[in-house]
Amino acid sequence: MIWITGHVDIRRAYCADAKTAVRIGSTINVDMPIQIGRRRDHNFTEPLGLLSDCHRRIEYFLGVLIAVTGRTPGGLLTHAQRAEVEAALSYFLTASPRHTADEEDSLFPRLRDAHDVAAKRALRLVEQLERDHDIGERHHHAVEGLMRRWLADGGLERGDTERLRGHLAALQSLYRRHIDLEDRELFPAAARLLSARQIAEIGREMAARRSIRSGRMP
């Protein structure tokens, strides 16, 4: 992975949800990671890969909020910055909870039902990851309130700006560890422990949460 700095087209950086796709006809000035030779996104027939794809969107939109806050700390936002913030808040308000449900309601229960010695490590991870979800939800709630106040008032007091930075830093730290555990350990373990039928069921449930037919994301 490498980092680039400059204007990034976010028209293709939309959330994995047909109803909440963010397609903004503008560019943003933000540092973000890209991967050389990045493969295509997965679809609902590859749900474990699709869950990992969602992590890239989480990282991206969190990076947007951190970048805007860092460059304009509590100050007057430009039209482009407001669009960036609105897109990120929309993602975390709508698509991100579905990602959590994909894990807690579809993936984790099937791992708990796996009768395999190798599942013990995965189950310990599940307990930790569920705690992360609860902690992250509280930070996201605070970020949503502070960012909405910023958008409504045209600025943010210094104390609120510092609190916003604190919540964003906490989310960044939490997601860095959380995503690494899932991408490197939990999802590969799930691929080994779950049957093809179970994985297909997870994909169908993920599609149903978005009220779309199973298959490739639009």
N, C-alpha and C. Protein backbone atom coordinates (compact mmCIF):
# COMPACT_ATOMS: atom_id res chain seq x y z
N MET A 1 0.84 -1.20 0.00
CA MET A 1 0.00 0.00 0.00
C MET A 1 0.87 1.24 0.00
N ILE A 2 0.49 2.26 -0.79
CA ILE A 2 1.20 3.52 -0.80
C ILE A 2 0.21 4.63 -0.55
N TRP A 3 0.73 5.82 -0.28
CA TRP A 3 -0.14 6.96 -0.02
C TRP A 3 0.01 7.97 -1.13
N ILE A 4 -1.09 8.60 -1.53
CA ILE A 4 -1.03 9.67 -2.50
C ILE A 4 -1.61 10.91 -1.87
N THR A 5 -1.17 12.06 -2.36
CA THR A 5 -1.67 13.32 -1.87
C THR A 5 -2.19 14.12 -3.06
N GLY A 6 -3.34 14.72 -2.92
CA GLY A 6 -3.85 15.55 -3.99
C GLY A 6 -5.34 15.43 -4.13
N HIS A 7 -5.83 15.73 -5.33
CA HIS A 7 -7.26 15.68 -5.59
C HIS A 7 -7.68 14.27 -5.97
N VAL A 8 -8.70 13.79 -5.30
CA VAL A 8 -9.17 12.42 -5.52
C VAL A 8 -10.62 12.46 -5.95
N ASP A 9 -10.93 11.77 -7.05
CA ASP A 9 -12.30 11.72 -7.53
C ASP A 9 -13.10 10.79 -6.65
N ILE A 10 -14.16 11.28 -6.00
CA ILE A 10 -14.94 10.41 -5.11
C ILE A 10 -16.21 9.91 -5.76
N ARG A 11 -16.35 10.13 -7.06
CA ARG A 11 -17.56 9.64 -7.72
C ARG A 11 -17.62 8.12 -7.71
N ARG A 12 -16.44 7.45 -7.62
CA ARG A 12 -16.42 5.99 -7.59
C ARG A 12 -16.21 5.45 -6.19
N ALA A 13 -16.04 6.35 -5.23
CA ALA A 13 -15.82 5.91 -3.84
C ALA A 13 -17.14 5.88 -3.10
N TYR A 14 -18.09 5.10 -3.59
CA TYR A 14 -19.41 5.09 -2.98
C TYR A 14 -19.58 3.86 -2.10
N CYS A 15 -20.55 3.97 -1.20
CA CYS A 15 -20.75 2.90 -0.25
C CYS A 15 -21.38 1.69 -0.92
N ALA A 16 -21.16 0.53 -0.32
CA ALA A 16 -21.66 -0.71 -0.90
C ALA A 16 -23.13 -0.90 -0.58
N ASP A 17 -23.95 -0.04 -1.12
CA ASP A 17 -25.37 -0.08 -0.84
C ASP A 17 -26.09 0.66 -1.96
N ALA A 18 -27.00 -0.04 -2.64
CA ALA A 18 -27.66 0.57 -3.79
C ALA A 18 -28.47 1.79 -3.42
N LYS A 19 -29.01 1.83 -2.20
CA LYS A 19 -29.90 2.92 -1.82
C LYS A 19 -29.15 4.13 -1.28
N THR A 20 -27.89 3.93 -0.89
CA THR A 20 -27.17 5.04 -0.27
C THR A 20 -25.89 5.35 -1.01
N ALA A 21 -25.83 4.98 -2.29
CA ALA A 21 -24.61 5.23 -3.06
C ALA A 21 -24.31 6.72 -3.09
N VAL A 22 -23.06 7.03 -2.84
CA VAL A 22 -22.62 8.43 -2.84
C VAL A 22 -21.86 8.67 -4.13
N ARG A 23 -22.42 9.44 -5.01
CA ARG A 23 -21.78 9.75 -6.28
C ARG A 23 -21.75 11.27 -6.40
N ILE A 24 -20.66 11.86 -6.00
CA ILE A 24 -20.56 13.31 -6.00
C ILE A 24 -19.65 13.73 -7.13
N GLY A 25 -20.13 14.60 -7.99
CA GLY A 25 -19.38 15.02 -9.16
C GLY A 25 -18.34 16.05 -8.82
N SER A 26 -17.41 15.74 -7.94
CA SER A 26 -16.36 16.67 -7.57
C SER A 26 -15.16 15.89 -7.11
N THR A 27 -14.08 16.59 -6.88
CA THR A 27 -12.88 15.96 -6.35
C THR A 27 -12.61 16.49 -4.97
N ILE A 28 -11.84 15.75 -4.20
CA ILE A 28 -11.50 16.20 -2.87
C ILE A 28 -9.99 16.23 -2.72
N ASN A 29 -9.53 17.06 -1.86
CA ASN A 29 -8.10 17.18 -1.60
C ASN A 29 -7.80 16.48 -0.29
N VAL A 30 -7.35 15.24 -0.37
CA VAL A 30 -7.18 14.43 0.83
C VAL A 30 -6.08 13.40 0.59
N ASP A 31 -5.33 13.10 1.63
CA ASP A 31 -4.35 12.03 1.55
C ASP A 31 -5.09 10.72 1.74
N MET A 32 -4.89 9.77 0.85
CA MET A 32 -5.56 8.50 1.00
C MET A 32 -4.71 7.39 0.40
N PRO A 33 -4.87 6.15 0.93
CA PRO A 33 -4.06 5.04 0.42
C PRO A 33 -4.66 4.47 -0.84
N ILE A 34 -3.82 4.05 -1.76
CA ILE A 34 -4.27 3.30 -2.92
C ILE A 34 -3.40 2.07 -3.05
N GLN A 35 -3.90 1.07 -3.72
CA GLN A 35 -3.15 -0.15 -3.90
C GLN A 35 -2.89 -0.36 -5.38
N ILE A 36 -1.62 -0.58 -5.74
CA ILE A 36 -1.27 -0.85 -7.11
C ILE A 36 -1.82 -2.22 -7.49
N GLY A 37 -2.46 -2.29 -8.66
CA GLY A 37 -3.01 -3.56 -9.11
C GLY A 37 -4.20 -4.02 -8.30
N ARG A 38 -4.94 -3.10 -7.74
CA ARG A 38 -6.09 -3.46 -6.91
C ARG A 38 -7.12 -4.22 -7.73
N ARG A 39 -7.60 -5.32 -7.21
CA ARG A 39 -8.56 -6.15 -7.92
C ARG A 39 -9.94 -5.53 -7.84
N ARG A 40 -10.84 -6.06 -8.65
CA ARG A 40 -12.22 -5.58 -8.66
C ARG A 40 -12.87 -5.84 -7.31
N ASP A 41 -13.94 -5.09 -7.02
CA ASP A 41 -14.70 -5.37 -5.81
C ASP A 41 -15.39 -6.72 -5.93
N HIS A 42 -15.63 -7.34 -4.76
CA HIS A 42 -16.36 -8.60 -4.73
C HIS A 42 -17.86 -8.34 -4.86
N ASN A 43 -18.62 -9.43 -4.95
CA ASN A 43 -20.07 -9.29 -4.99
C ASN A 43 -20.69 -10.20 -3.94
N PHE A 44 -22.02 -10.29 -3.93
CA PHE A 44 -22.70 -11.02 -2.86
C PHE A 44 -22.51 -12.53 -2.95
N THR A 45 -21.96 -13.02 -4.05
CA THR A 45 -21.60 -14.44 -4.10
C THR A 45 -20.25 -14.68 -3.43
N GLU A 46 -19.57 -13.59 -3.06
CA GLU A 46 -18.28 -13.65 -2.35
C GLU A 46 -18.37 -12.77 -1.10
N PRO A 47 -19.24 -13.11 -0.16
CA PRO A 47 -19.55 -12.19 0.95
C PRO A 47 -18.37 -11.86 1.84
N LEU A 48 -17.46 -12.79 2.06
CA LEU A 48 -16.31 -12.49 2.92
C LEU A 48 -15.41 -11.45 2.26
N GLY A 49 -15.23 -11.56 0.96
CA GLY A 49 -14.47 -10.55 0.24
C GLY A 49 -15.19 -9.22 0.22
N LEU A 50 -16.51 -9.26 0.12
CA LEU A 50 -17.29 -8.02 0.10
C LEU A 50 -17.20 -7.31 1.46
N LEU A 51 -17.18 -8.07 2.54
CA LEU A 51 -17.01 -7.47 3.86
C LEU A 51 -15.67 -6.75 3.95
N SER A 52 -14.64 -7.35 3.38
CA SER A 52 -13.33 -6.71 3.38
C SER A 52 -13.33 -5.46 2.51
N ASP A 53 -14.05 -5.50 1.38
CA ASP A 53 -14.17 -4.30 0.53
C ASP A 53 -14.80 -3.15 1.32
N CYS A 54 -15.78 -3.47 2.16
CA CYS A 54 -16.42 -2.44 2.97
C CYS A 54 -15.41 -1.77 3.91
N HIS A 55 -14.43 -2.52 4.35
CA HIS A 55 -13.40 -1.93 5.21
C HIS A 55 -12.64 -0.82 4.49
N ARG A 56 -12.41 -0.99 3.19
CA ARG A 56 -11.72 0.05 2.45
C ARG A 56 -12.56 1.33 2.40
N ARG A 57 -13.86 1.17 2.34
CA ARG A 57 -14.74 2.35 2.32
C ARG A 57 -14.76 3.02 3.69
N ILE A 58 -14.79 2.21 4.74
CA ILE A 58 -14.73 2.77 6.10
C ILE A 58 -13.45 3.58 6.27
N GLU A 59 -12.33 3.02 5.86
CA GLU A 59 -11.05 3.72 5.96
C GLU A 59 -11.08 5.02 5.15
N TYR A 60 -11.66 4.93 3.96
CA TYR A 60 -11.71 6.11 3.09
C TYR A 60 -12.53 7.23 3.71
N PHE A 61 -13.75 6.94 4.10
CA PHE A 61 -14.63 7.99 4.59
C PHE A 61 -14.18 8.52 5.95
N LEU A 62 -13.60 7.68 6.79
CA LEU A 62 -13.03 8.18 8.04
C LEU A 62 -11.86 9.11 7.72
N GLY A 63 -11.06 8.75 6.72
CA GLY A 63 -9.96 9.60 6.31
C GLY A 63 -10.43 10.97 5.83
N VAL A 64 -11.59 11.00 5.16
CA VAL A 64 -12.17 12.27 4.72
C VAL A 64 -12.46 13.17 5.91
N LEU A 65 -13.12 12.62 6.93
CA LEU A 65 -13.47 13.42 8.11
C LEU A 65 -12.22 13.91 8.84
N ILE A 66 -11.22 13.05 8.95
CA ILE A 66 -9.99 13.44 9.62
C ILE A 66 -9.27 14.53 8.82
N ALA A 67 -9.25 14.39 7.50
CA ALA A 67 -8.55 15.37 6.67
C ALA A 67 -9.22 16.74 6.73
N VAL A 68 -10.54 16.77 6.65
CA VAL A 68 -11.27 18.04 6.70
C VAL A 68 -11.07 18.71 8.05
N THR A 69 -11.16 17.94 9.11
CA THR A 69 -10.99 18.50 10.45
C THR A 69 -9.57 19.00 10.66
N GLY A 70 -8.60 18.31 10.09
CA GLY A 70 -7.22 18.72 10.24
C GLY A 70 -6.88 19.98 9.47
N ARG A 71 -7.49 20.16 8.31
CA ARG A 71 -7.15 21.29 7.46
C ARG A 71 -7.98 22.53 7.73
N THR A 72 -9.17 22.33 8.25
CA THR A 72 -10.04 23.47 8.57
C THR A 72 -10.62 23.24 9.96
N PRO A 73 -9.80 23.29 11.00
CA PRO A 73 -10.26 22.92 12.35
C PRO A 73 -11.32 23.87 12.91
N GLY A 74 -12.57 23.47 12.73
CA GLY A 74 -13.68 24.26 13.26
C GLY A 74 -14.01 25.49 12.47
N GLY A 75 -13.34 25.70 11.34
CA GLY A 75 -13.55 26.91 10.56
C GLY A 75 -14.64 26.77 9.51
N LEU A 76 -14.76 27.82 8.69
CA LEU A 76 -15.77 27.85 7.64
C LEU A 76 -15.39 26.86 6.54
N LEU A 77 -16.28 25.95 6.23
CA LEU A 77 -16.02 24.94 5.22
C LEU A 77 -16.37 25.44 3.83
N THR A 78 -15.60 25.02 2.85
CA THR A 78 -15.94 25.33 1.47
C THR A 78 -17.09 24.44 1.02
N HIS A 79 -17.65 24.76 -0.13
CA HIS A 79 -18.74 23.94 -0.67
C HIS A 79 -18.26 22.50 -0.87
N ALA A 80 -17.04 22.35 -1.40
CA ALA A 80 -16.50 21.01 -1.63
C ALA A 80 -16.31 20.26 -0.32
N GLN A 81 -15.81 20.95 0.68
CA GLN A 81 -15.61 20.29 1.98
C GLN A 81 -16.93 19.86 2.59
N ARG A 82 -17.95 20.70 2.47
CA ARG A 82 -19.26 20.32 3.00
C ARG A 82 -19.78 19.07 2.31
N ALA A 83 -19.57 19.00 0.99
CA ALA A 83 -20.01 17.81 0.25
C ALA A 83 -19.26 16.57 0.71
N GLU A 84 -17.95 16.73 0.97
CA GLU A 84 -17.15 15.61 1.45
C GLU A 84 -17.67 15.11 2.81
N VAL A 85 -17.93 16.05 3.71
CA VAL A 85 -18.40 15.69 5.04
C VAL A 85 -19.78 15.03 4.96
N GLU A 86 -20.67 15.59 4.16
CA GLU A 86 -22.02 15.02 4.01
C GLU A 86 -21.94 13.59 3.48
N ALA A 87 -21.06 13.36 2.51
CA ALA A 87 -20.92 12.02 1.94
C ALA A 87 -20.43 11.04 3.00
N ALA A 88 -19.44 11.45 3.80
CA ALA A 88 -18.90 10.57 4.82
C ALA A 88 -19.93 10.28 5.91
N LEU A 89 -20.63 11.33 6.37
CA LEU A 89 -21.64 11.13 7.40
C LEU A 89 -22.77 10.23 6.89
N SER A 90 -23.14 10.39 5.63
CA SER A 90 -24.18 9.54 5.05
C SER A 90 -23.75 8.09 5.05
N TYR A 91 -22.49 7.85 4.72
CA TYR A 91 -22.00 6.48 4.72
C TYR A 91 -22.07 5.86 6.11
N PHE A 92 -21.55 6.58 7.09
CA PHE A 92 -21.50 6.01 8.44
C PHE A 92 -22.88 5.91 9.08
N LEU A 93 -23.83 6.71 8.60
CA LEU A 93 -25.18 6.66 9.16
C LEU A 93 -26.01 5.54 8.55
N THR A 94 -25.74 5.18 7.31
CA THR A 94 -26.61 4.24 6.60
C THR A 94 -25.92 2.93 6.25
N ALA A 95 -24.84 2.98 5.49
CA ALA A 95 -24.20 1.75 5.02
C ALA A 95 -23.38 1.06 6.09
N SER A 96 -22.69 1.82 6.91
CA SER A 96 -21.84 1.20 7.94
C SER A 96 -22.63 0.34 8.92
N PRO A 97 -23.83 0.76 9.39
CA PRO A 97 -24.59 -0.13 10.28
C PRO A 97 -24.99 -1.45 9.60
N ARG A 98 -25.20 -1.41 8.30
CA ARG A 98 -25.52 -2.66 7.60
C ARG A 98 -24.30 -3.59 7.61
N HIS A 99 -23.13 -3.01 7.49
CA HIS A 99 -21.91 -3.81 7.56
C HIS A 99 -21.80 -4.48 8.93
N THR A 100 -22.10 -3.73 9.99
CA THR A 100 -22.08 -4.31 11.33
C THR A 100 -23.10 -5.43 11.44
N ALA A 101 -24.29 -5.23 10.88
CA ALA A 101 -25.32 -6.28 10.91
C ALA A 101 -24.88 -7.50 10.11
N ASP A 102 -24.19 -7.27 9.00
CA ASP A 102 -23.68 -8.40 8.21
C ASP A 102 -22.81 -9.30 9.08
N GLU A 103 -22.00 -8.67 9.93
CA GLU A 103 -21.11 -9.45 10.78
C GLU A 103 -21.84 -10.04 11.98
N GLU A 104 -22.57 -9.20 12.71
CA GLU A 104 -23.16 -9.65 13.97
C GLU A 104 -24.37 -10.55 13.78
N ASP A 105 -25.10 -10.39 12.69
CA ASP A 105 -26.33 -11.17 12.48
C ASP A 105 -26.15 -12.32 11.51
N SER A 106 -25.11 -12.28 10.68
CA SER A 106 -24.93 -13.33 9.68
C SER A 106 -23.65 -14.13 9.87
N LEU A 107 -22.52 -13.43 9.98
CA LEU A 107 -21.24 -14.14 10.07
C LEU A 107 -20.97 -14.69 11.47
N PHE A 108 -21.04 -13.84 12.48
CA PHE A 108 -20.66 -14.27 13.83
C PHE A 108 -21.49 -15.44 14.35
N PRO A 109 -22.83 -15.42 14.18
CA PRO A 109 -23.61 -16.57 14.69
C PRO A 109 -23.19 -17.90 14.05
N ARG A 110 -22.84 -17.87 12.78
CA ARG A 110 -22.44 -19.13 12.12
C ARG A 110 -21.09 -19.61 12.63
N LEU A 111 -20.23 -18.67 12.96
CA LEU A 111 -18.95 -19.07 13.55
C LEU A 111 -19.17 -19.67 14.94
N ARG A 112 -20.12 -19.11 15.68
CA ARG A 112 -20.41 -19.66 17.01
C ARG A 112 -20.96 -21.08 16.91
N ASP A 113 -21.65 -21.38 15.82
CA ASP A 113 -22.24 -22.70 15.66
C ASP A 113 -21.26 -23.72 15.09
N ALA A 114 -20.07 -23.25 14.70
CA ALA A 114 -19.09 -24.16 14.12
C ALA A 114 -18.52 -25.08 15.20
N HIS A 115 -18.66 -26.37 15.00
CA HIS A 115 -18.18 -27.35 15.99
C HIS A 115 -16.79 -27.82 15.54
N ASP A 116 -15.82 -26.99 15.86
CA ASP A 116 -14.47 -27.27 15.41
C ASP A 116 -13.51 -26.66 16.42
N VAL A 117 -12.45 -27.40 16.73
CA VAL A 117 -11.47 -26.90 17.70
C VAL A 117 -10.87 -25.59 17.19
N ALA A 118 -10.66 -25.49 15.89
CA ALA A 118 -10.07 -24.29 15.31
C ALA A 118 -10.97 -23.08 15.46
N ALA A 119 -12.25 -23.31 15.76
CA ALA A 119 -13.18 -22.19 15.88
C ALA A 119 -12.99 -21.42 17.18
N LYS A 120 -12.30 -21.99 18.15
CA LYS A 120 -12.15 -21.33 19.45
C LYS A 120 -11.45 -19.98 19.32
N ARG A 121 -10.37 -19.94 18.56
CA ARG A 121 -9.66 -18.68 18.35
C ARG A 121 -10.57 -17.68 17.67
N ALA A 122 -11.33 -18.12 16.66
CA ALA A 122 -12.24 -17.23 15.95
C ALA A 122 -13.31 -16.68 16.89
N LEU A 123 -13.80 -17.52 17.82
CA LEU A 123 -14.83 -17.08 18.74
C LEU A 123 -14.29 -16.05 19.72
N ARG A 124 -13.04 -16.20 20.13
CA ARG A 124 -12.44 -15.18 20.99
C ARG A 124 -12.34 -13.85 20.24
N LEU A 125 -12.02 -13.92 18.97
CA LEU A 125 -11.97 -12.71 18.16
C LEU A 125 -13.35 -12.08 18.05
N VAL A 126 -14.37 -12.91 17.86
CA VAL A 126 -15.74 -12.40 17.71
C VAL A 126 -16.15 -11.58 18.93
N GLU A 127 -15.85 -12.09 20.11
CA GLU A 127 -16.21 -11.36 21.33
C GLU A 127 -15.53 -10.00 21.37
N GLN A 128 -14.28 -9.95 21.00
CA GLN A 128 -13.55 -8.68 20.99
C GLN A 128 -14.11 -7.74 19.92
N LEU A 129 -14.44 -8.28 18.77
CA LEU A 129 -14.93 -7.46 17.67
C LEU A 129 -16.31 -6.88 17.98
N GLU A 130 -17.13 -7.64 18.68
CA GLU A 130 -18.44 -7.13 19.08
C GLU A 130 -18.29 -5.97 20.06
N ARG A 131 -17.33 -6.07 20.96
CA ARG A 131 -17.06 -4.95 21.87
C ARG A 131 -16.60 -3.72 21.09
N ASP A 132 -15.78 -3.96 20.08
CA ASP A 132 -15.32 -2.85 19.22
C ASP A 132 -16.50 -2.16 18.56
N HIS A 133 -17.47 -2.94 18.10
CA HIS A 133 -18.65 -2.35 17.45
C HIS A 133 -19.38 -1.42 18.41
N ASP A 134 -19.54 -1.85 19.65
CA ASP A 134 -20.24 -1.02 20.64
C ASP A 134 -19.48 0.27 20.92
N ILE A 135 -18.16 0.15 21.09
CA ILE A 135 -17.35 1.35 21.34
C ILE A 135 -17.38 2.28 20.14
N GLY A 136 -17.24 1.71 18.95
CA GLY A 136 -17.25 2.52 17.74
C GLY A 136 -18.57 3.25 17.54
N GLU A 137 -19.67 2.60 17.89
CA GLU A 137 -20.97 3.24 17.74
C GLU A 137 -21.07 4.50 18.59
N ARG A 138 -20.53 4.45 19.80
CA ARG A 138 -20.58 5.63 20.67
C ARG A 138 -19.74 6.78 20.09
N HIS A 139 -18.57 6.45 19.56
CA HIS A 139 -17.74 7.49 18.95
C HIS A 139 -18.41 8.06 17.69
N HIS A 140 -19.02 7.21 16.90
CA HIS A 140 -19.70 7.68 15.69
C HIS A 140 -20.87 8.60 16.04
N HIS A 141 -21.58 8.27 17.09
CA HIS A 141 -22.70 9.12 17.52
C HIS A 141 -22.20 10.51 17.88
N ALA A 142 -21.09 10.57 18.59
CA ALA A 142 -20.52 11.87 18.97
C ALA A 142 -20.03 12.63 17.74
N VAL A 143 -19.37 11.93 16.82
CA VAL A 143 -18.87 12.58 15.60
C VAL A 143 -20.02 13.13 14.77
N GLU A 144 -21.09 12.35 14.65
CA GLU A 144 -22.27 12.80 13.89
C GLU A 144 -22.82 14.10 14.48
N GLY A 145 -22.98 14.15 15.79
CA GLY A 145 -23.53 15.35 16.43
C GLY A 145 -22.65 16.56 16.25
N LEU A 146 -21.34 16.40 16.43
CA LEU A 146 -20.42 17.53 16.30
C LEU A 146 -20.30 18.00 14.86
N MET A 147 -20.23 17.06 13.93
CA MET A 147 -20.13 17.43 12.52
C MET A 147 -21.41 18.12 12.03
N ARG A 148 -22.55 17.64 12.46
CA ARG A 148 -23.81 18.28 12.06
C ARG A 148 -23.90 19.69 12.62
N ARG A 149 -23.42 19.89 13.84
CA ARG A 149 -23.40 21.23 14.41
C ARG A 149 -22.48 22.14 13.60
N TRP A 150 -21.35 21.61 13.21
CA TRP A 150 -20.40 22.36 12.39
C TRP A 150 -21.05 22.79 11.07
N LEU A 151 -21.74 21.85 10.44
CA LEU A 151 -22.39 22.16 9.16
C LEU A 151 -23.51 23.19 9.35
N ALA A 152 -24.27 23.06 10.42
CA ALA A 152 -25.41 23.95 10.65
C ALA A 152 -24.98 25.36 11.04
N ASP A 153 -23.95 25.47 11.90
CA ASP A 153 -23.53 26.77 12.44
C ASP A 153 -22.45 27.45 11.61
N GLY A 154 -21.85 26.71 10.70
CA GLY A 154 -20.77 27.29 9.91
C GLY A 154 -19.44 27.31 10.62
N GLY A 155 -19.37 26.76 11.81
CA GLY A 155 -18.12 26.73 12.56
C GLY A 155 -18.30 25.91 13.81
N LEU A 156 -17.20 25.66 14.49
CA LEU A 156 -17.22 24.83 15.69
C LEU A 156 -16.29 25.46 16.72
N GLU A 157 -16.77 25.55 17.96
CA GLU A 157 -15.94 26.10 19.02
C GLU A 157 -14.69 25.25 19.23
N ARG A 158 -13.66 25.88 19.78
CA ARG A 158 -12.38 25.19 19.95
C ARG A 158 -12.52 23.92 20.78
N GLY A 159 -13.26 23.99 21.88
CA GLY A 159 -13.43 22.82 22.72
C GLY A 159 -14.11 21.68 21.98
N ASP A 160 -15.15 22.01 21.20
CA ASP A 160 -15.86 20.99 20.43
C ASP A 160 -14.96 20.43 19.33
N THR A 161 -14.13 21.30 18.74
CA THR A 161 -13.20 20.83 17.71
C THR A 161 -12.22 19.82 18.29
N GLU A 162 -11.72 20.09 19.48
CA GLU A 162 -10.80 19.15 20.13
C GLU A 162 -11.49 17.85 20.47
N ARG A 163 -12.75 17.93 20.91
CA ARG A 163 -13.50 16.69 21.20
C ARG A 163 -13.71 15.89 19.91
N LEU A 164 -14.01 16.60 18.82
CA LEU A 164 -14.20 15.92 17.54
C LEU A 164 -12.92 15.21 17.12
N ARG A 165 -11.81 15.91 17.25
CA ARG A 165 -10.53 15.28 16.91
C ARG A 165 -10.27 14.05 17.77
N GLY A 166 -10.62 14.14 19.04
CA GLY A 166 -10.41 13.00 19.94
C GLY A 166 -11.23 11.79 19.52
N HIS A 167 -12.49 12.02 19.17
CA HIS A 167 -13.35 10.91 18.74
C HIS A 167 -12.85 10.32 17.42
N LEU A 168 -12.42 11.17 16.50
CA LEU A 168 -11.91 10.67 15.21
C LEU A 168 -10.62 9.88 15.40
N ALA A 169 -9.75 10.36 16.28
CA ALA A 169 -8.51 9.63 16.55
C ALA A 169 -8.80 8.27 17.18
N ALA A 170 -9.79 8.24 18.08
CA ALA A 170 -10.16 6.97 18.71
C ALA A 170 -10.71 6.00 17.68
N LEU A 171 -11.53 6.50 16.76
CA LEU A 171 -12.07 5.64 15.71
C LEU A 171 -10.97 5.13 14.79
N GLN A 172 -10.03 5.99 14.46
CA GLN A 172 -8.93 5.58 13.60
C GLN A 172 -8.13 4.46 14.25
N SER A 173 -7.83 4.60 15.53
CA SER A 173 -7.08 3.57 16.25
C SER A 173 -7.88 2.28 16.35
N LEU A 174 -9.16 2.41 16.67
CA LEU A 174 -10.01 1.23 16.81
C LEU A 174 -10.13 0.49 15.49
N TYR A 175 -10.40 1.22 14.40
CA TYR A 175 -10.59 0.57 13.10
C TYR A 175 -9.30 -0.06 12.59
N ARG A 176 -8.17 0.58 12.88
CA ARG A 176 -6.91 0.01 12.41
C ARG A 176 -6.72 -1.39 12.97
N ARG A 177 -6.96 -1.54 14.26
CA ARG A 177 -6.81 -2.86 14.90
C ARG A 177 -7.93 -3.80 14.50
N HIS A 178 -9.16 -3.29 14.53
CA HIS A 178 -10.35 -4.09 14.23
C HIS A 178 -10.30 -4.66 12.81
N ILE A 179 -10.00 -3.81 11.86
CA ILE A 179 -9.96 -4.24 10.46
C ILE A 179 -8.83 -5.23 10.22
N ASP A 180 -7.70 -4.98 10.85
CA ASP A 180 -6.57 -5.90 10.69
C ASP A 180 -6.92 -7.29 11.20
N LEU A 181 -7.60 -7.36 12.35
CA LEU A 181 -8.00 -8.66 12.91
C LEU A 181 -8.97 -9.38 11.97
N GLU A 182 -9.91 -8.64 11.43
CA GLU A 182 -10.90 -9.29 10.56
C GLU A 182 -10.30 -9.71 9.23
N ASP A 183 -9.57 -8.80 8.59
CA ASP A 183 -9.03 -9.11 7.26
C ASP A 183 -7.97 -10.20 7.32
N ARG A 184 -7.12 -10.18 8.36
CA ARG A 184 -6.00 -11.11 8.42
C ARG A 184 -6.31 -12.41 9.15
N GLU A 185 -7.28 -12.37 10.07
CA GLU A 185 -7.53 -13.57 10.87
C GLU A 185 -8.96 -14.10 10.75
N LEU A 186 -9.95 -13.24 11.03
CA LEU A 186 -11.32 -13.76 11.12
C LEU A 186 -11.86 -14.21 9.77
N PHE A 187 -11.75 -13.39 8.74
CA PHE A 187 -12.33 -13.77 7.45
C PHE A 187 -11.65 -15.01 6.86
N PRO A 188 -10.31 -15.11 6.92
CA PRO A 188 -9.70 -16.37 6.46
C PRO A 188 -10.15 -17.58 7.28
N ALA A 189 -10.32 -17.38 8.60
CA ALA A 189 -10.80 -18.49 9.43
C ALA A 189 -12.22 -18.88 9.04
N ALA A 190 -13.05 -17.89 8.76
CA ALA A 190 -14.43 -18.17 8.35
C ALA A 190 -14.45 -18.94 7.03
N ALA A 191 -13.56 -18.59 6.12
CA ALA A 191 -13.50 -19.29 4.83
C ALA A 191 -13.14 -20.76 5.03
N ARG A 192 -12.34 -21.06 6.06
CA ARG A 192 -11.96 -22.44 6.33
C ARG A 192 -13.04 -23.20 7.10
N LEU A 193 -13.70 -22.51 8.03
CA LEU A 193 -14.61 -23.18 8.96
C LEU A 193 -16.03 -23.35 8.43
N LEU A 194 -16.47 -22.42 7.59
CA LEU A 194 -17.85 -22.45 7.11
C LEU A 194 -17.95 -23.18 5.78
N SER A 195 -19.09 -23.80 5.59
CA SER A 195 -19.33 -24.53 4.34
C SER A 195 -19.70 -23.55 3.23
N ALA A 196 -19.65 -24.03 2.00
CA ALA A 196 -20.04 -23.20 0.86
C ALA A 196 -21.50 -22.77 1.00
N ARG A 197 -22.34 -23.67 1.52
CA ARG A 197 -23.75 -23.32 1.72
C ARG A 197 -23.91 -22.19 2.72
N GLN A 198 -23.18 -22.27 3.83
CA GLN A 198 -23.27 -21.21 4.85
C GLN A 198 -22.78 -19.87 4.30
N ILE A 199 -21.70 -19.89 3.56
CA ILE A 199 -21.18 -18.65 2.99
C ILE A 199 -22.17 -18.06 1.99
N ALA A 200 -22.81 -18.93 1.20
CA ALA A 200 -23.82 -18.45 0.25
C ALA A 200 -25.00 -17.84 0.99
N GLU A 201 -25.40 -18.43 2.11
CA GLU A 201 -26.49 -17.88 2.91
C GLU A 201 -26.14 -16.49 3.44
N ILE A 202 -24.89 -16.31 3.87
CA ILE A 202 -24.45 -15.00 4.34
C ILE A 202 -24.60 -13.97 3.23
N GLY A 203 -24.18 -14.34 2.02
CA GLY A 203 -24.30 -13.42 0.89
C GLY A 203 -25.73 -13.04 0.60
N ARG A 204 -26.63 -14.01 0.65
CA ARG A 204 -28.05 -13.71 0.40
C ARG A 204 -28.62 -12.79 1.47
N GLU A 205 -28.22 -13.02 2.72
CA GLU A 205 -28.71 -12.16 3.80
C GLU A 205 -28.17 -10.74 3.66
N MET A 206 -26.93 -10.61 3.25
CA MET A 206 -26.35 -9.29 3.03
C MET A 206 -27.11 -8.55 1.93
N ALA A 207 -27.42 -9.25 0.86
CA ALA A 207 -28.17 -8.63 -0.24
C ALA A 207 -29.56 -8.23 0.21
N ALA A 208 -30.19 -9.09 1.01
CA ALA A 208 -31.55 -8.80 1.48
C ALA A 208 -31.58 -7.55 2.35
N ARG A 209 -30.54 -7.31 3.13
CA ARG A 209 -30.50 -6.09 3.96
C ARG A 209 -30.51 -4.83 3.11
N ARG A 210 -30.06 -4.97 1.89
CA ARG A 210 -30.00 -3.82 0.99
C ARG A 210 -31.12 -3.85 -0.04
N SER A 211 -32.02 -4.83 0.13
CA SER A 211 -33.20 -4.97 -0.74
C SER A 211 -32.80 -5.05 -2.20
N ILE A 212 -31.71 -5.76 -2.48
CA ILE A 212 -31.32 -5.96 -3.86
C ILE A 212 -31.06 -7.44 -4.09
N ARG A 213 -31.05 -7.84 -5.36
CA ARG A 213 -30.83 -9.22 -5.69
C ARG A 213 -29.36 -9.55 -5.54
N SER A 214 -29.08 -10.81 -5.16
CA SER A 214 -27.69 -11.22 -4.99
C SER A 214 -26.94 -11.08 -6.30
N GLY A 215 -25.67 -10.74 -6.17
CA GLY A 215 -24.84 -10.57 -7.34
C GLY A 215 -23.90 -9.41 -7.17
N ARG A 216 -23.47 -8.86 -8.27
CA ARG A 216 -22.47 -7.81 -8.24
C ARG A 216 -23.11 -6.49 -7.80
N MET A 217 -22.36 -5.73 -7.02
CA MET A 217 -22.86 -4.43 -6.60
C MET A 217 -22.99 -3.52 -7.80
N PRO A 218 -24.05 -2.64 -7.83
CA PRO A 218 -24.17 -1.70 -8.94
C PRO A 218 -23.08 -0.65 -8.85
